[in-house]
C-alpha atoms as a PDB file:
ATOM      1  CA  MET A   1      -0.233  -0.249   0.032  1.00  0.00           C
ATOM      2  CA  MET A   2       1.409   3.129  -1.044  1.00  0.00           C
ATOM      3  CA  TYR A   3       0.633   6.501   1.378  1.00  0.00           C
ATOM      4  CA  ALA A   4       0.710   9.971  -0.783  1.00  0.00           C
ATOM      5  CA  LYS A   5       0.232  13.379   0.476  1.00  0.00           C
ATOM      6  CA  PHE A   6      -0.229  16.262  -1.624  1.00  0.00           C
ATOM      7  CA  ILE A   7       1.868  19.021  -0.110  1.00  0.00           C
ATOM      8  CA  GLY A   8       1.890  22.894  -1.341  1.00  0.00           C
ATOM      9  CA  ILE A   9       5.493  24.092  -2.390  1.00  0.00           C
ATOM     10  CA  THR A  10       6.481  27.409  -3.635  1.00  0.00           C
ATOM     11  CA  ALA A  11       8.458  27.556  -7.017  1.00  0.00           C
ATOM     12  CA  GLU A  12      11.402  28.475  -4.529  1.00  0.00           C
ATOM     13  CA  THR A  13      10.931  25.037  -2.912  1.00  0.00           C
ATOM     14  CA  ALA A  14      10.844  23.509  -6.174  1.00  0.00           C
ATOM     15  CA  ALA A  15      13.354  25.281  -7.893  1.00  0.00           C
ATOM     16  CA  LEU A  16      15.916  23.982  -4.554  1.00  0.00           C
ATOM     17  CA  ILE A  17      14.595  20.626  -5.465  1.00  0.00           C
ATOM     18  CA  GLU A  18      15.371  20.613  -8.730  1.00  0.00           C
ATOM     19  CA  THR A  19      18.831  21.802  -7.911  1.00  0.00           C
ATOM     20  CA  ARG A  20      19.137  18.145  -5.705  1.00  0.00           C
ATOM     21  CA  ARG A  21      18.230  16.043  -8.759  1.00  0.00           C
ATOM     22  CA  GLN A  22      21.057  13.810  -8.953  1.00  0.00           C
ATOM     23  CA  GLY A  23      20.027  12.064 -12.475  1.00  0.00           C
ATOM     24  CA  PRO A  24      16.679  12.883 -14.618  1.00  0.00           C
ATOM     25  CA  LYS A  25      14.859   9.925 -13.317  1.00  0.00           C
ATOM     26  CA  GLU A  26      14.883  10.937  -9.772  1.00  0.00           C
ATOM     27  CA  SER A  27      11.329  11.490  -8.669  1.00  0.00           C
ATOM     28  CA  GLU A  28      10.772  14.201  -6.239  1.00  0.00           C
ATOM     29  CA  ASP A  29       9.713  11.389  -3.477  1.00  0.00           C
ATOM     30  CA  ASP A  30      13.520  10.241  -3.501  1.00  0.00           C
ATOM     31  CA  ILE A  31      14.992  13.928  -3.678  1.00  0.00           C
ATOM     32  CA  LEU A  32      12.984  14.587  -0.833  1.00  0.00           C
ATOM     33  CA  ARG A  33      14.054  11.353   1.370  1.00  0.00           C
ATOM     34  CA  ARG A  34      17.515  11.554   0.390  1.00  0.00           C
ATOM     35  CA  THR A  35      17.557  15.143   1.107  1.00  0.00           C
ATOM     36  CA  LEU A  36      15.626  14.654   4.593  1.00  0.00           C
ATOM     37  CA  ALA A  37      16.883  11.653   5.778  1.00  0.00           C
ATOM     38  CA  PRO A  38      19.118  11.914   8.805  1.00  0.00           C
ATOM     39  CA  THR A  39      22.838  12.201   8.697  1.00  0.00           C
ATOM     40  CA  VAL A  40      24.467   9.078   9.865  1.00  0.00           C
ATOM     41  CA  ASP A  41      28.186   8.856  11.176  1.00  0.00           C
ATOM     42  CA  ARG A  42      29.293   6.068   7.990  1.00  0.00           C
ATOM     43  CA  GLY A  43      32.650   5.128   9.520  1.00  0.00           C
ATOM     44  CA  ALA A  44      35.858   5.291   7.061  1.00  0.00           C
ATOM     45  CA  ASP A  45      35.026   1.970   5.280  1.00  0.00           C
ATOM     46  CA  SER A  46      32.034   3.999   3.880  1.00  0.00           C
ATOM     47  CA  GLU A  47      32.178   4.506  -0.072  1.00  0.00           C
ATOM     48  CA  GLU A  48      29.859   7.444   0.593  1.00  0.00           C
ATOM     49  CA  PRO A  49      31.331  10.516   0.857  1.00  0.00           C
ATOM     50  CA  VAL A  50      31.629  12.520   3.961  1.00  0.00           C
ATOM     51  CA  ALA A  51      28.860  14.765   4.409  1.00  0.00           C
ATOM     52  CA  GLY A  52      29.672  18.660   4.543  1.00  0.00           C
ATOM     53  CA  CYS A  53      31.728  21.108   3.386  1.00  0.00           C
ATOM     54  CA  ASP A  54      35.336  22.313   4.331  1.00  0.00           C
ATOM     55  CA  LEU A  55      35.329  25.906   3.869  1.00  0.00           C
ATOM     56  CA  GLY A  56      39.513  26.313   4.842  1.00  0.00           C
ATOM     57  CA  GLN A  57      41.391  26.583   7.262  1.00  0.00           C
ATOM     58  CA  GLY A  58      39.329  23.968   9.431  1.00  0.00           C
ATOM     59  CA  ALA A  59      36.069  25.591   9.121  1.00  0.00           C
ATOM     60  CA  VAL A  60      33.252  22.958   8.233  1.00  0.00           C
ATOM     61  CA  LEU A  61      29.427  22.765   7.404  1.00  0.00           C
ATOM     62  CA  ARG A  62      27.662  19.983   7.853  1.00  0.00           C
ATOM     63  CA  GLU A  63      25.310  18.546   4.929  1.00  0.00           C
ATOM     64  CA  GLY A  64      22.696  21.028   4.142  1.00  0.00           C
ATOM     65  CA  GLU A  65      24.185  24.200   6.690  1.00  0.00           C
ATOM     66  CA  ARG A  66      23.484  27.102   5.406  1.00  0.00           C
ATOM     67  CA  LEU A  67      25.966  30.372   5.230  1.00  0.00           C
ATOM     68  CA  TYR A  68      24.447  33.609   5.512  1.00  0.00           C
ATOM     69  CA  PHE A  69      25.933  37.302   4.122  1.00  0.00           C
ATOM     70  CA  PHE A  70      25.257  40.082   6.155  1.00  0.00           C
ATOM     71  CA  ARG A  71      27.020  43.539   4.213  1.00  0.00           C
ATOM     72  CA  HIS A  72      25.867  45.805   6.557  1.00  0.00           C
ATOM     73  CA  LYS A  73      25.072  45.147  10.640  1.00  0.00           C
ATOM     74  CA  ARG A  74      21.189  46.636   9.957  1.00  0.00           C
ATOM     75  CA  SER A  75      20.928  43.573   8.014  1.00  0.00           C
ATOM     76  CA  ARG A  76      21.937  41.138  10.302  1.00  0.00           C
ATOM     77  CA  ASP A  77      20.048  42.556  13.528  1.00  0.00           C
ATOM     78  CA  ALA A  78      17.179  41.969  10.774  1.00  0.00           C
ATOM     79  CA  GLU A  79      17.800  38.583   9.965  1.00  0.00           C
ATOM     80  CA  LYS A  80      17.714  39.847   6.451  1.00  0.00           C
ATOM     81  CA  PRO A  81      20.601  38.628   4.377  1.00  0.00           C
ATOM     82  CA  GLU A  82      22.336  39.485   1.085  1.00  0.00           C
ATOM     83  CA  ALA A  83      23.193  35.978   0.103  1.00  0.00           C
ATOM     84  CA  ILE A  84      22.482  32.407   1.491  1.00  0.00           C
ATOM     85  CA  ALA A  85      25.100  29.807   0.253  1.00  0.00           C
ATOM     86  CA  GLU A  86      24.437  25.875   0.976  1.00  0.00           C
ATOM     87  CA  SER A  87      26.891  23.199   1.695  1.00  0.00           C
ATOM     88  CA  ARG A  88      26.132  19.964  -0.584  1.00  0.00           C
ATOM     89  CA  ASN A  89      27.868  17.155  -1.566  1.00  0.00           C
ATOM     90  CA  SER A  90      30.990  18.650  -0.090  1.00  0.00           C
ATOM     91  CA  SER A  91      30.899  21.995  -1.536  1.00  0.00           C
ATOM     92  CA  LEU A  92      29.493  25.033  -1.245  1.00  0.00           C
ATOM     93  CA  TYR A  93      26.791  26.320  -3.693  1.00  0.00           C
ATOM     94  CA  LEU A  94      25.793  30.123  -4.063  1.00  0.00           C
ATOM     95  CA  TYR A  95      23.246  31.589  -6.517  1.00  0.00           C
ATOM     96  CA  GLY A  96      22.741  27.610  -8.014  1.00  0.00           C
ATOM     97  CA  GLN A  97      26.301  27.669  -8.430  1.00  0.00           C
ATOM     98  CA  LYS A  98      29.163  25.706  -7.204  1.00  0.00           C
ATOM     99  CA  VAL A  99      32.181  27.895  -5.377  1.00  0.00           C
ATOM    100  CA  GLU A 100      35.337  26.992  -6.589  1.00  0.00           C
ATOM    101  CA  ARG A 101      38.340  27.227  -4.147  1.00  0.00           C
ATOM    102  CA  SER A 102      41.099  30.213  -4.319  1.00  0.00           C
ATOM    103  CA  LYS A 103      44.076  29.193  -1.995  1.00  0.00           C
ATOM    104  CA  GLY A 104      42.174  26.637  -0.256  1.00  0.00           C
ATOM    105  CA  SER A 105      39.353  28.544   0.771  1.00  0.00           C
ATOM    106  CA  LEU A 106      35.704  28.575   0.355  1.00  0.00           C
ATOM    107  CA  VAL A 107      34.525  31.836   1.604  1.00  0.00           C
ATOM    108  CA  GLN A 108      36.575  34.532  -0.441  1.00  0.00           C
ATOM    109  CA  PRO A 109      35.413  33.126  -3.930  1.00  0.00           C
ATOM    110  CA  ALA A 110      31.512  33.403  -2.407  1.00  0.00           C
ATOM    111  CA  LEU A 111      32.069  36.829  -0.997  1.00  0.00           C
ATOM    112  CA  ARG A 112      33.583  38.168  -4.203  1.00  0.00           C
ATOM    113  CA  MET A 113      30.272  36.340  -6.046  1.00  0.00           C
ATOM    114  CA  VAL A 114      28.372  38.505  -3.629  1.00  0.00           C
ATOM    115  CA  GLN A 115      30.186  41.578  -4.001  1.00  0.00           C
ATOM    116  CA  GLU A 116      29.756  41.257  -8.223  1.00  0.00           C
ATOM    117  CA  ARG A 117      25.807  40.651  -8.064  1.00  0.00           C
ATOM    118  CA  LEU A 118      25.700  43.714  -5.572  1.00  0.00           C
ATOM    119  CA  ASP A 119      28.135  45.766  -7.106  1.00  0.00           C
ATOM    120  CA  ASP A 120      29.979  46.490  -4.171  1.00  0.00           C
ATOM    121  CA  ARG A 121      32.759  48.914  -5.411  1.00  0.00           C
ATOM    122  CA  ASN A 122      34.461  51.637  -4.164  1.00  0.00           C
ATOM    123  CA  PRO A 123      34.352  55.057  -6.212  1.00  0.00           C
ATOM    124  CA  LYS A 124      37.531  53.671  -8.253  1.00  0.00           C
ATOM    125  CA  GLY A 125      35.234  50.892  -9.482  1.00  0.00           C
ATOM    126  CA  GLU A 126      37.134  48.333  -7.366  1.00  0.00           C
ATOM    127  CA  PHE A 127      35.783  45.994  -5.214  1.00  0.00           C
ATOM    128  CA  ILE A 128      36.256  46.945  -1.558  1.00  0.00           C
ATOM    129  CA  SER A 129      38.492  45.045   0.179  1.00  0.00           C
ATOM    130  CA  LEU A 130      36.557  42.577   2.946  1.00  0.00           C
ATOM    131  CA  ASP A 131      37.748  39.951   5.162  1.00  0.00           C
ATOM    132  CA  ALA A 132      34.924  37.244   4.264  1.00  0.00           C
ATOM    133  CA  TRP A 133      35.441  35.361   7.190  1.00  0.00           C
ATOM    134  CA  ASP A 134      33.876  38.338   9.088  1.00  0.00           C
ATOM    135  CA  TYR A 135      30.792  38.667   6.639  1.00  0.00           C
ATOM    136  CA  TRP A 136      29.777  35.332   6.288  1.00  0.00           C
ATOM    137  CA  TYR A 137      27.953  33.622   9.325  1.00  0.00           C
ATOM    138  CA  VAL A 138      26.576  30.300  10.557  1.00  0.00           C
ATOM    139  CA  ARG A 139      23.392  29.750  12.408  1.00  0.00           C
ATOM    140  CA  ARG A 140      23.973  27.280  15.127  1.00  0.00           C
ATOM    141  CA  HIS A 141      21.358  26.954  18.360  1.00  0.00           C
ATOM    142  CA  LYS A 142      19.447  29.923  17.322  1.00  0.00           C
ATOM    143  CA  VAL A 143      22.722  32.210  17.308  1.00  0.00           C
ATOM    144  CA  PHE A 144      24.794  33.972  14.128  1.00  0.00           C
ATOM    145  CA  LEU A 145      28.154  33.078  14.404  1.00  0.00           C
ATOM    146  CA  LYS A 146      31.055  34.851  12.096  1.00  0.00           C
ATOM    147  CA  VAL A 147      32.490  31.635  10.145  1.00  0.00           C
ATOM    148  CA  GLY A 148      35.757  32.712  11.282  1.00  0.00           C
ATOM    149  CA  MET A 149      35.276  31.200  14.955  1.00  0.00           C
ATOM    150  CA  LEU A 150      34.617  27.576  13.352  1.00  0.00           C
ATOM    151  CA  ARG A 151      38.384  27.890  11.999  1.00  0.00           C
ATOM    152  CA  ASP A 152      41.408  26.134  13.602  1.00  0.00           C
ATOM    153  CA  GLN A 153      43.590  28.326  14.771  1.00  0.00           C
ATOM    154  CA  GLU A 154      46.501  26.907  14.531  1.00  0.00           C
ATOM    155  CA  LYS A 155      45.499  26.618  10.477  1.00  0.00           C
ATOM    156  CA  ILE A 156      44.856  30.417  10.232  1.00  0.00           C
ATOM    157  CA  VAL A 157      47.587  32.125   8.086  1.00  0.00           C
ATOM    158  CA  ARG A 158      47.871  35.500   8.078  1.00  0.00           C
ATOM    159  CA  ARG A 159      49.215  37.972   5.199  1.00  0.00           C
ATOM    160  CA  GLY A 160      51.963  40.618   5.956  1.00  0.00           C
ATOM    161  CA  ARG A 161      56.023  40.097   7.074  1.00  0.00           C
ATOM    162  CA  TYR A 162      57.266  37.947   9.946  1.00  0.00           C
ATOM    163  CA  ILE A 163      59.425  39.056  12.234  1.00  0.00           C
ATOM    164  CA  SER A 164      62.650  38.032  13.041  1.00  0.00           C
ATOM    165  CA  ASP A 165      63.728  37.138  16.677  1.00  0.00           C
ATOM    166  CA  LYS A 166      66.641  39.749  16.260  1.00  0.00           C
ATOM    167  CA  SER A 167      64.089  42.425  14.925  1.00  0.00           C
ATOM    168  CA  ALA A 168      61.243  41.624  17.805  1.00  0.00           C
ATOM    169  CA  GLU A 169      64.270  42.259  20.191  1.00  0.00           C
ATOM    170  CA  GLU A 170      65.028  46.100  18.764  1.00  0.00           C
ATOM    171  CA  LEU A 171      61.562  46.804  18.587  1.00  0.00           C
ATOM    172  CA  GLY A 172      60.695  45.797  22.268  1.00  0.00           C
ATOM    173  CA  LEU A 173      58.265  42.635  21.305  1.00  0.00           C
END
């Protein structure tokens, strides 16, 4: 016996379902079941890929977890992000496109995609310099956290020059 229930969904929800289609013969029921099934620890012997997405520097999202881009404090306070990206199949998707890594990170290329769409430029026409780790947020325990807080502190690479021990002594550091 088959049980069927009609559910009303918006065009946006239908489009989201379609983005998860793995083949032309996969039904909406199959897509929803696969997507909504609880994630289980599959162990090291599993042939299935590990769920979630490594953003770089040890910051990891769970499968289906979303990143929220807040360009301004007022949009964060209103909980109205300028963009939303989603972790799927060990990748990050934004505007229906897979975000490609740059220098091991996904947050900076995702930031650039948003800036292009928003035309976020200075008076010279250059993209405004922003630290992507400070503008992308993840929602955990009903609170927005900067994704920069998810990074492994030992994996963070800082730009700038290094000070030798002798120079540090001379500077009184």
